[in-house]
Structures are given as structure tokens and as C-alpha cells.
């Protein structure tokens, strides 16, 4: 059984760190932009500065926990299935951040031996703090979240384009086209952590993307499960925390509809 008092304190701690981190990039001015995988995959000095702040803050509070972040190397170097770890995205939605779209967030997941036990996502532009402790529900600014009951035909679906990976573009286009005619509408907003949090809150009935990293979805696995939804890879398997994966999420009705489209 998880130690809930420990986890509640941990969520309070990482909530404070996430809020301070969000203020760092919310108030950013000039940005030095570099490219990682290709011209679509951007990184700024703020991604690195925010991650450094999060790492130093967490290390001082939880020195026994491994720190895994988007800006510190290959996932294969971290055996997150067999350790205690924080999985961190310092700025999810870097392209939005670079282009001043005011739709980016901080994501911090706490994992023990391959199981997400606590998590926080913070959108500083809206001051939305999403948080959860396993077995105790998921919340946005203290209000309990619940997935929507609506089918695809009565709801919005969030999605990502996996634009970093040329080999996945045609599959993304196929799924997009088939979902578009069956749902109320689609939204491509540029931050998977926020999109998946919106599934948990009921604003989206579902979400899909052909490839994401664990720091994109780590905390939101817990949000969606605690809010009564389902989140898996495209084959219906549990999402991995040590490698990239496809992602499909939704309430039970919309998830099945998306799954059937994707598996065609």
C-alpha cells in the first residue's frame, strides 16, 4: 500500500516547484532557440534553465529519487521500471513558448518501480494546476476531475501530429481524417500534457498521437485513470515509462471508438 501521507506531501512539494518553474518561462523575454531532431524540434535556454531549477529543487528534497528529464539524455540510460524516479518535462509546448502562444506547461511525475503514484502539470498562463495521488482522485485547482461521458460525436478530440517523425505523418493523416468525420471537432494545441489533462477534466472526450515521450504523458496517466478514463498505446498496452510510445486516451466510450479507428 502506498504511503499516502508521504505522497500528499510530495505533491505539495512538486506543485510549489512546478508553479515557480512556470513563472520562469511565463515571464521570459528574448529566447535563444536551437534545434534537436529537426527544424520542428526546438529547445531554448529556458527549457534548460527550468529543468536545472527543477532538478536542483527536487534533489535537495528527495536526494534518493532519480531525476529523468527531457533535456538530460537518452531514456535508455534510466531503469525507471526498477527505481524511484521523477519524470520531468520543464516546458511541454516549446514551439508554443517560442512563438508566444501562451499554451505551455510544466509536467512532473513521481514513479515507483514502473508505477506512477503522483503527478503535477502546471499551466502558468491560465494558472491551472492539475494534480493527483494514486487512489485519491485527480484535481484541477482543487476541484475533482471526471472524464466526460460523451461519445466522439458529441465531443472534442485533442491530437498531436508527431511532426518530428516523417515516417508517421501518413498514419497521423489517416487517423485524423477518420476521426474528424466522427467527432464534434479536433484540436491540435501543441502541448500533450495539457491535452491529456483536458481529457481527465472532461473538456476533451479523447486524444491520440502516434509517438510521444514519457515526460509528455507521465503525470497524465494518473490523471486520466483517477478521473475514470483509459490511456494506453495504440495496441491497448500500458504506456511505457522508459521509451517513446503511441498514445490513445479517452473516456470509456470515446476511447473504444478511437481504438477501433486506429486499429483498422
C-alpha atoms as a PDB file:
ATOM      1  CA  UNK A   1       0.000   0.000   0.000  1.00  0.00           C
ATOM      2  CA  UNK A   2       1.302   3.422  -0.926  1.00  0.00           C
ATOM      3  CA  UNK A   3       2.219   5.806   1.883  1.00  0.00           C
ATOM      4  CA  UNK A   4      -0.412   8.457   1.194  1.00  0.00           C
ATOM      5  CA  UNK A   5       0.857  10.994   3.718  1.00  0.00           C
ATOM      6  CA  UNK A   6       4.254  10.851   2.015  1.00  0.00           C
ATOM      7  CA  UNK A   7       2.645  11.211  -1.418  1.00  0.00           C
ATOM      8  CA  UNK A   8       0.440  14.134  -0.394  1.00  0.00           C
ATOM      9  CA  UNK A   9       3.489  15.985   0.930  1.00  0.00           C
ATOM     10  CA  UNK A  10       5.361  15.112  -2.261  1.00  0.00           C
ATOM     11  CA  UNK A  11       2.541  16.540  -4.410  1.00  0.00           C
ATOM     12  CA  UNK A  12       2.571  19.723  -2.338  1.00  0.00           C
ATOM     13  CA  UNK A  13       6.333  19.995  -2.856  1.00  0.00           C
ATOM     14  CA  UNK A  14       6.274  19.367  -6.602  1.00  0.00           C
ATOM     15  CA  UNK A  15       3.276  21.697  -7.001  1.00  0.00           C
ATOM     16  CA  UNK A  16       5.323  24.524  -5.479  1.00  0.00           C
ATOM     17  CA  UNK A  17       8.295  23.695  -7.702  1.00  0.00           C
ATOM     18  CA  UNK A  18       6.088  23.495 -10.805  1.00  0.00           C
ATOM     19  CA  UNK A  19       4.469  26.859 -10.055  1.00  0.00           C
ATOM     20  CA  UNK A  20       7.834  28.579  -9.603  1.00  0.00           C
ATOM     21  CA  UNK A  21       9.111  26.884 -12.767  1.00  0.00           C
ATOM     22  CA  UNK A  22       6.093  28.065 -14.727  1.00  0.00           C
ATOM     23  CA  UNK A  23       6.678  31.633 -13.647  1.00  0.00           C
ATOM     24  CA  UNK A  24      10.243  31.441 -15.005  1.00  0.00           C
ATOM     25  CA  UNK A  25       9.135  30.818 -18.594  1.00  0.00           C
ATOM     26  CA  UNK A  26       5.861  32.742 -18.378  1.00  0.00           C
ATOM     27  CA  UNK A  27       7.897  35.887 -17.730  1.00  0.00           C
ATOM     28  CA  UNK A  28      10.585  35.093 -20.323  1.00  0.00           C
ATOM     29  CA  UNK A  29      11.593  37.673 -22.903  1.00  0.00           C
ATOM     30  CA  UNK A  30      14.299  37.057 -25.517  1.00  0.00           C
ATOM     31  CA  UNK A  31      14.736  33.353 -26.349  1.00  0.00           C
ATOM     32  CA  UNK A  32      17.786  31.673 -27.876  1.00  0.00           C
ATOM     33  CA  UNK A  33      16.389  28.801 -29.952  1.00  0.00           C
ATOM     34  CA  UNK A  34      18.250  25.659 -31.043  1.00  0.00           C
ATOM     35  CA  UNK A  35      17.074  22.565 -32.923  1.00  0.00           C
ATOM     36  CA  UNK A  36      17.243  18.953 -31.710  1.00  0.00           C
ATOM     37  CA  UNK A  37      15.928  16.207 -34.031  1.00  0.00           C
ATOM     38  CA  UNK A  38      14.987  18.583 -36.867  1.00  0.00           C
ATOM     39  CA  UNK A  39      13.605  22.035 -37.630  1.00  0.00           C
ATOM     40  CA  UNK A  40      10.351  21.193 -35.801  1.00  0.00           C
ATOM     41  CA  UNK A  41      12.033  20.023 -32.586  1.00  0.00           C
ATOM     42  CA  UNK A  42      13.024  23.169 -30.706  1.00  0.00           C
ATOM     43  CA  UNK A  43      14.808  23.818 -27.439  1.00  0.00           C
ATOM     44  CA  UNK A  44      15.566  27.120 -25.716  1.00  0.00           C
ATOM     45  CA  UNK A  45      17.798  28.248 -22.906  1.00  0.00           C
ATOM     46  CA  UNK A  46      14.637  28.368 -20.788  1.00  0.00           C
ATOM     47  CA  UNK A  47      13.972  24.638 -21.229  1.00  0.00           C
ATOM     48  CA  UNK A  48      17.433  24.029 -19.808  1.00  0.00           C
ATOM     49  CA  UNK A  49      17.202  26.682 -17.092  1.00  0.00           C
ATOM     50  CA  UNK A  50      13.797  25.467 -15.889  1.00  0.00           C
ATOM     51  CA  UNK A  51      14.958  21.856 -15.835  1.00  0.00           C
ATOM     52  CA  UNK A  52      18.072  22.845 -13.871  1.00  0.00           C
ATOM     53  CA  UNK A  53      15.857  24.639 -11.341  1.00  0.00           C
ATOM     54  CA  UNK A  54      13.515  21.641 -11.026  1.00  0.00           C
ATOM     55  CA  UNK A  55      16.416  19.195 -10.699  1.00  0.00           C
ATOM     56  CA  UNK A  56      18.189  21.196  -8.006  1.00  0.00           C
ATOM     57  CA  UNK A  57      14.930  21.735  -6.078  1.00  0.00           C
ATOM     58  CA  UNK A  58      13.930  18.071  -6.194  1.00  0.00           C
ATOM     59  CA  UNK A  59      17.448  16.831  -5.408  1.00  0.00           C
ATOM     60  CA  UNK A  60      17.521  18.889  -2.216  1.00  0.00           C
ATOM     61  CA  UNK A  61      14.161  17.482  -1.067  1.00  0.00           C
ATOM     62  CA  UNK A  62      14.323  13.917  -2.403  1.00  0.00           C
ATOM     63  CA  UNK A  63      18.007  13.006  -2.883  1.00  0.00           C
ATOM     64  CA  UNK A  64      17.186   9.288  -3.095  1.00  0.00           C
ATOM     65  CA  UNK A  65      14.971   9.706  -6.193  1.00  0.00           C
ATOM     66  CA  UNK A  66      16.434   9.547  -9.724  1.00  0.00           C
ATOM     67  CA  UNK A  67      15.742  12.563 -11.937  1.00  0.00           C
ATOM     68  CA  UNK A  68      14.791  11.945 -15.573  1.00  0.00           C
ATOM     69  CA  UNK A  69      14.121  14.993 -17.735  1.00  0.00           C
ATOM     70  CA  UNK A  70      13.656  15.824 -21.385  1.00  0.00           C
ATOM     71  CA  UNK A  71      16.908  17.756 -21.532  1.00  0.00           C
ATOM     72  CA  UNK A  72      19.228  15.263 -19.807  1.00  0.00           C
ATOM     73  CA  UNK A  73      19.786  12.405 -22.166  1.00  0.00           C
ATOM     74  CA  UNK A  74      18.507   9.117 -23.538  1.00  0.00           C
ATOM     75  CA  UNK A  75      15.655   7.311 -21.793  1.00  0.00           C
ATOM     76  CA  UNK A  76      17.503   4.047 -22.268  1.00  0.00           C
ATOM     77  CA  UNK A  77      20.005   5.209 -19.642  1.00  0.00           C
ATOM     78  CA  UNK A  78      17.356   5.169 -16.911  1.00  0.00           C
ATOM     79  CA  UNK A  79      15.912   1.979 -15.453  1.00  0.00           C
ATOM     80  CA  UNK A  80      12.686   3.635 -14.326  1.00  0.00           C
ATOM     81  CA  UNK A  81      10.918   0.274 -14.032  1.00  0.00           C
ATOM     82  CA  UNK A  82      13.135  -0.654 -11.094  1.00  0.00           C
ATOM     83  CA  UNK A  83      13.759   2.588  -9.211  1.00  0.00           C
ATOM     84  CA  UNK A  84      12.044   5.594  -7.705  1.00  0.00           C
ATOM     85  CA  UNK A  85      12.132   8.431 -10.228  1.00  0.00           C
ATOM     86  CA  UNK A  86      10.780  11.830 -11.145  1.00  0.00           C
ATOM     87  CA  UNK A  87       9.991  12.143 -14.868  1.00  0.00           C
ATOM     88  CA  UNK A  88      10.048  15.792 -15.882  1.00  0.00           C
ATOM     89  CA  UNK A  89       9.168  17.979 -18.838  1.00  0.00           C
ATOM     90  CA  UNK A  90      10.348  21.508 -17.992  1.00  0.00           C
ATOM     91  CA  UNK A  91       8.397  23.140 -20.825  1.00  0.00           C
ATOM     92  CA  UNK A  92       5.893  20.963 -22.653  1.00  0.00           C
ATOM     93  CA  UNK A  93       4.903  23.024 -25.677  1.00  0.00           C
ATOM     94  CA  UNK A  94       8.249  24.594 -26.516  1.00  0.00           C
ATOM     95  CA  UNK A  95       7.131  25.633 -30.003  1.00  0.00           C
ATOM     96  CA  UNK A  96       4.151  27.415 -28.451  1.00  0.00           C
ATOM     97  CA  UNK A  97       6.518  29.064 -25.983  1.00  0.00           C
ATOM     98  CA  UNK A  98       8.902  30.209 -28.738  1.00  0.00           C
ATOM     99  CA  UNK A  99       6.026  31.672 -30.742  1.00  0.00           C
ATOM    100  CA  UNK A 100       4.379  33.306 -27.697  1.00  0.00           C
ATOM    101  CA  UNK A 101       1.138  31.318 -27.922  1.00  0.00           C
ATOM    102  CA  UNK A 102       0.825  31.166 -24.116  1.00  0.00           C
ATOM    103  CA  UNK A 103      -0.052  27.463 -24.071  1.00  0.00           C
ATOM    104  CA  UNK A 104       2.755  25.519 -22.403  1.00  0.00           C
ATOM    105  CA  UNK A 105       3.210  23.754 -19.089  1.00  0.00           C
ATOM    106  CA  UNK A 106       5.495  22.033 -16.589  1.00  0.00           C
ATOM    107  CA  UNK A 107       4.973  18.302 -16.012  1.00  0.00           C
ATOM    108  CA  UNK A 108       6.395  16.283 -13.100  1.00  0.00           C
ATOM    109  CA  UNK A 109       5.511  12.627 -12.476  1.00  0.00           C
ATOM    110  CA  UNK A 110       6.633  10.582  -9.485  1.00  0.00           C
ATOM    111  CA  UNK A 111       7.194   6.903 -10.275  1.00  0.00           C
ATOM    112  CA  UNK A 112       7.999   3.938  -8.062  1.00  0.00           C
ATOM    113  CA  UNK A 113       9.101   0.758  -9.829  1.00  0.00           C
ATOM    114  CA  UNK A 114       7.260   1.493 -13.052  1.00  0.00           C
ATOM    115  CA  UNK A 115       4.051   2.782 -11.464  1.00  0.00           C
ATOM    116  CA  UNK A 116       3.040   6.460 -11.473  1.00  0.00           C
ATOM    117  CA  UNK A 117       1.978   7.292  -7.920  1.00  0.00           C
ATOM    118  CA  UNK A 118       1.754  11.089  -8.044  1.00  0.00           C
ATOM    119  CA  UNK A 119       1.916  13.863 -10.605  1.00  0.00           C
ATOM    120  CA  UNK A 120       1.529  17.539 -11.328  1.00  0.00           C
ATOM    121  CA  UNK A 121       1.011  19.536 -14.529  1.00  0.00           C
ATOM    122  CA  UNK A 122       1.017  23.327 -14.284  1.00  0.00           C
ATOM    123  CA  UNK A 123      -0.100  25.761 -16.987  1.00  0.00           C
ATOM    124  CA  UNK A 124       1.145  29.164 -15.755  1.00  0.00           C
ATOM    125  CA  UNK A 125      -0.719  31.134 -18.406  1.00  0.00           C
ATOM    126  CA  UNK A 126      -4.094  30.023 -17.032  1.00  0.00           C
ATOM    127  CA  UNK A 127      -2.862  29.244 -13.507  1.00  0.00           C
ATOM    128  CA  UNK A 128      -4.251  25.716 -13.883  1.00  0.00           C
ATOM    129  CA  UNK A 129      -2.636  23.215 -11.512  1.00  0.00           C
ATOM    130  CA  UNK A 130      -3.544  19.606 -12.294  1.00  0.00           C
ATOM    131  CA  UNK A 131      -2.534  17.080  -9.634  1.00  0.00           C
ATOM    132  CA  UNK A 132      -3.185  13.555  -8.421  1.00  0.00           C
ATOM    133  CA  UNK A 133      -2.159  10.937  -5.874  1.00  0.00           C
ATOM    134  CA  UNK A 134      -2.959   7.363  -6.858  1.00  0.00           C
ATOM    135  CA  UNK A 135      -6.178   6.170  -5.280  1.00  0.00           C
ATOM    136  CA  UNK A 136      -7.272   9.661  -4.280  1.00  0.00           C
ATOM    137  CA  UNK A 137      -8.696  11.229  -7.433  1.00  0.00           C
ATOM    138  CA  UNK A 138      -7.367  13.858  -9.824  1.00  0.00           C
ATOM    139  CA  UNK A 139      -7.876  17.589  -9.395  1.00  0.00           C
ATOM    140  CA  UNK A 140      -7.580  20.921 -11.185  1.00  0.00           C
ATOM    141  CA  UNK A 141      -7.059  23.780  -8.753  1.00  0.00           C
ATOM    142  CA  UNK A 142      -8.566  21.640  -6.009  1.00  0.00           C
ATOM    143  CA  UNK A 143     -11.709  20.695  -7.969  1.00  0.00           C
ATOM    144  CA  UNK A 144     -12.078  16.970  -8.628  1.00  0.00           C
ATOM    145  CA  UNK A 145     -11.887  15.963 -12.283  1.00  0.00           C
ATOM    146  CA  UNK A 146     -14.073  13.447 -14.086  1.00  0.00           C
ATOM    147  CA  UNK A 147     -13.882  12.364 -17.710  1.00  0.00           C
ATOM    148  CA  UNK A 148     -16.779  13.216 -19.995  1.00  0.00           C
ATOM    149  CA  UNK A 149     -19.494  10.649 -20.722  1.00  0.00           C
ATOM    150  CA  UNK A 150     -19.901  11.828 -24.320  1.00  0.00           C
ATOM    151  CA  UNK A 151     -19.117   9.728 -27.405  1.00  0.00           C
ATOM    152  CA  UNK A 152     -16.925  11.067 -30.199  1.00  0.00           C
ATOM    153  CA  UNK A 153     -19.931  12.504 -31.996  1.00  0.00           C
ATOM    154  CA  UNK A 154     -20.652  14.801 -29.054  1.00  0.00           C
ATOM    155  CA  UNK A 155     -17.168  15.923 -28.083  1.00  0.00           C
ATOM    156  CA  UNK A 156     -13.842  17.467 -28.986  1.00  0.00           C
ATOM    157  CA  UNK A 157     -10.793  15.278 -29.606  1.00  0.00           C
ATOM    158  CA  UNK A 158      -7.268  16.503 -28.979  1.00  0.00           C
ATOM    159  CA  UNK A 159      -4.395  15.174 -31.048  1.00  0.00           C
ATOM    160  CA  UNK A 160      -0.718  15.630 -31.795  1.00  0.00           C
ATOM    161  CA  UNK A 161       0.999  15.442 -35.161  1.00  0.00           C
ATOM    162  CA  UNK A 162       4.278  13.769 -34.084  1.00  0.00           C
ATOM    163  CA  UNK A 163       5.799  16.234 -36.520  1.00  0.00           C
ATOM    164  CA  UNK A 164       9.364  15.242 -35.558  1.00  0.00           C
ATOM    165  CA  UNK A 165       8.932  11.848 -37.270  1.00  0.00           C
ATOM    166  CA  UNK A 166       8.441  11.924 -41.038  1.00  0.00           C
ATOM    167  CA  UNK A 167       7.605   8.200 -41.162  1.00  0.00           C
ATOM    168  CA  UNK A 168       4.489   8.749 -39.015  1.00  0.00           C
ATOM    169  CA  UNK A 169       2.901  11.610 -40.947  1.00  0.00           C
ATOM    170  CA  UNK A 170       0.759   9.472 -43.277  1.00  0.00           C
ATOM    171  CA  UNK A 171      -0.622   7.408 -40.388  1.00  0.00           C
ATOM    172  CA  UNK A 172      -1.428  10.587 -38.476  1.00  0.00           C
ATOM    173  CA  UNK A 173      -3.263  11.948 -41.526  1.00  0.00           C
ATOM    174  CA  UNK A 174      -5.266   8.722 -41.895  1.00  0.00           C
ATOM    175  CA  UNK A 175      -6.392   8.704 -38.255  1.00  0.00           C
ATOM    176  CA  UNK A 176      -7.115  12.441 -38.336  1.00  0.00           C
ATOM    177  CA  UNK A 177      -9.357  12.061 -41.388  1.00  0.00           C
ATOM    178  CA  UNK A 178     -11.360   9.179 -39.947  1.00  0.00           C
ATOM    179  CA  UNK A 179     -11.772  10.780 -36.517  1.00  0.00           C
ATOM    180  CA  UNK A 180     -12.724  14.166 -37.999  1.00  0.00           C
ATOM    181  CA  UNK A 181     -15.907  12.843 -39.597  1.00  0.00           C
ATOM    182  CA  UNK A 182     -16.977  11.056 -36.404  1.00  0.00           C
ATOM    183  CA  UNK A 183     -16.327  13.671 -33.716  1.00  0.00           C
ATOM    184  CA  UNK A 184     -17.662  17.141 -32.985  1.00  0.00           C
ATOM    185  CA  UNK A 185     -14.253  18.583 -33.946  1.00  0.00           C
ATOM    186  CA  UNK A 186     -10.492  18.151 -33.424  1.00  0.00           C
ATOM    187  CA  UNK A 187      -8.000  20.365 -31.635  1.00  0.00           C
ATOM    188  CA  UNK A 188      -4.202  20.421 -32.206  1.00  0.00           C
ATOM    189  CA  UNK A 189      -2.958  22.617 -29.331  1.00  0.00           C
ATOM    190  CA  UNK A 190       0.741  21.774 -29.114  1.00  0.00           C
ATOM    191  CA  UNK A 191       1.135  20.506 -25.543  1.00  0.00           C
ATOM    192  CA  UNK A 192       0.331  16.839 -24.961  1.00  0.00           C
ATOM    193  CA  UNK A 193       0.461  17.213 -21.179  1.00  0.00           C
ATOM    194  CA  UNK A 194      -2.243  19.876 -21.272  1.00  0.00           C
ATOM    195  CA  UNK A 195      -4.280  17.980 -23.881  1.00  0.00           C
ATOM    196  CA  UNK A 196      -4.270  14.809 -21.779  1.00  0.00           C
ATOM    197  CA  UNK A 197      -5.140  16.807 -18.659  1.00  0.00           C
ATOM    198  CA  UNK A 198      -8.141  18.141 -20.611  1.00  0.00           C
ATOM    199  CA  UNK A 199      -9.239  14.561 -21.243  1.00  0.00           C
ATOM    200  CA  UNK A 200      -9.180  13.991 -17.487  1.00  0.00           C
ATOM    201  CA  UNK A 201     -11.166  17.182 -16.856  1.00  0.00           C
ATOM    202  CA  UNK A 202     -13.795  16.298 -19.461  1.00  0.00           C
ATOM    203  CA  UNK A 203     -13.074  19.122 -21.906  1.00  0.00           C
ATOM    204  CA  UNK A 204     -11.843  16.582 -24.477  1.00  0.00           C
ATOM    205  CA  UNK A 205     -13.533  13.216 -24.914  1.00  0.00           C
ATOM    206  CA  UNK A 206     -10.303  11.733 -26.279  1.00  0.00           C
ATOM    207  CA  UNK A 207      -6.755  12.233 -27.516  1.00  0.00           C
ATOM    208  CA  UNK A 208      -4.319  10.465 -29.826  1.00  0.00           C
ATOM    209  CA  UNK A 209      -0.740  10.842 -31.049  1.00  0.00           C
ATOM    210  CA  UNK A 210       1.436   8.381 -32.929  1.00  0.00           C
ATOM    211  CA  UNK A 211       4.563   8.986 -30.820  1.00  0.00           C
ATOM    212  CA  UNK A 212       5.277  10.736 -27.530  1.00  0.00           C
ATOM    213  CA  UNK A 213       7.870  10.521 -24.764  1.00  0.00           C
ATOM    214  CA  UNK A 214       7.175   9.544 -21.128  1.00  0.00           C
ATOM    215  CA  UNK A 215       7.720  13.118 -19.925  1.00  0.00           C
ATOM    216  CA  UNK A 216       4.852  14.144 -22.249  1.00  0.00           C
ATOM    217  CA  UNK A 217       2.365  11.747 -20.652  1.00  0.00           C
ATOM    218  CA  UNK A 218       3.868  10.557 -17.336  1.00  0.00           C
ATOM    219  CA  UNK A 219       1.760  12.581 -14.905  1.00  0.00           C
ATOM    220  CA  UNK A 220      -1.357  12.436 -17.076  1.00  0.00           C
ATOM    221  CA  UNK A 221      -1.505   8.628 -16.992  1.00  0.00           C
ATOM    222  CA  UNK A 222      -2.515   9.066 -13.375  1.00  0.00           C
ATOM    223  CA  UNK A 223      -4.906  11.968 -14.032  1.00  0.00           C
ATOM    224  CA  UNK A 224      -6.885  10.047 -16.643  1.00  0.00           C
ATOM    225  CA  UNK A 225      -7.050   6.815 -14.668  1.00  0.00           C
ATOM    226  CA  UNK A 226      -8.077   8.626 -11.482  1.00  0.00           C
ATOM    227  CA  UNK A 227     -10.731  10.573 -13.419  1.00  0.00           C
ATOM    228  CA  UNK A 228     -12.290   7.359 -14.760  1.00  0.00           C
ATOM    229  CA  UNK A 229     -10.738   7.249 -18.230  1.00  0.00           C
ATOM    230  CA  UNK A 230      -8.424   4.938 -20.157  1.00  0.00           C
ATOM    231  CA  UNK A 231      -4.947   5.650 -21.532  1.00  0.00           C
ATOM    232  CA  UNK A 232      -2.828   3.123 -23.462  1.00  0.00           C
ATOM    233  CA  UNK A 233      -0.648   2.768 -26.526  1.00  0.00           C
ATOM    234  CA  UNK A 234      -2.240   2.064 -29.919  1.00  0.00           C
ATOM    235  CA  UNK A 235      -2.202  -1.685 -29.182  1.00  0.00           C
ATOM    236  CA  UNK A 236      -4.037  -1.290 -25.895  1.00  0.00           C
ATOM    237  CA  UNK A 237      -0.955  -1.856 -23.759  1.00  0.00           C
ATOM    238  CA  UNK A 238       0.140   0.032 -20.651  1.00  0.00           C
ATOM    239  CA  UNK A 239       2.244   3.056 -21.573  1.00  0.00           C
ATOM    240  CA  UNK A 240       5.985   2.555 -21.042  1.00  0.00           C
ATOM    241  CA  UNK A 241       7.992   4.935 -18.876  1.00  0.00           C
ATOM    242  CA  UNK A 242      11.382   4.110 -20.385  1.00  0.00           C
ATOM    243  CA  UNK A 243      10.802   4.637 -24.125  1.00  0.00           C
ATOM    244  CA  UNK A 244       8.695   6.508 -26.678  1.00  0.00           C
ATOM    245  CA  UNK A 245       5.180   5.306 -27.408  1.00  0.00           C
ATOM    246  CA  UNK A 246       1.968   5.925 -29.285  1.00  0.00           C
ATOM    247  CA  UNK A 247      -0.812   7.255 -27.032  1.00  0.00           C
ATOM    248  CA  UNK A 248      -4.587   6.969 -27.091  1.00  0.00           C
ATOM    249  CA  UNK A 249      -6.786   8.235 -24.261  1.00  0.00           C
ATOM    250  CA  UNK A 250     -10.400   8.980 -23.540  1.00  0.00           C
ATOM    251  CA  UNK A 251     -13.499   8.218 -21.570  1.00  0.00           C
ATOM    252  CA  UNK A 252     -14.558   4.597 -21.949  1.00  0.00           C
ATOM    253  CA  UNK A 253     -16.902   5.198 -24.882  1.00  0.00           C
ATOM    254  CA  UNK A 254     -14.691   7.564 -26.864  1.00  0.00           C
ATOM    255  CA  UNK A 255     -11.568   5.500 -26.147  1.00  0.00           C
ATOM    256  CA  UNK A 256     -13.175   2.412 -27.729  1.00  0.00           C
ATOM    257  CA  UNK A 257     -14.281   4.429 -30.764  1.00  0.00           C
ATOM    258  CA  UNK A 258     -10.766   5.865 -31.221  1.00  0.00           C
ATOM    259  CA  UNK A 259      -9.182   2.466 -30.660  1.00  0.00           C
ATOM    260  CA  UNK A 260     -11.361   0.892 -33.376  1.00  0.00           C
ATOM    261  CA  UNK A 261     -10.380   3.632 -35.853  1.00  0.00           C
ATOM    262  CA  UNK A 262      -6.687   3.356 -35.050  1.00  0.00           C
ATOM    263  CA  UNK A 263      -6.623  -0.449 -35.318  1.00  0.00           C
ATOM    264  CA  UNK A 264      -8.166  -0.514 -38.817  1.00  0.00           C
END
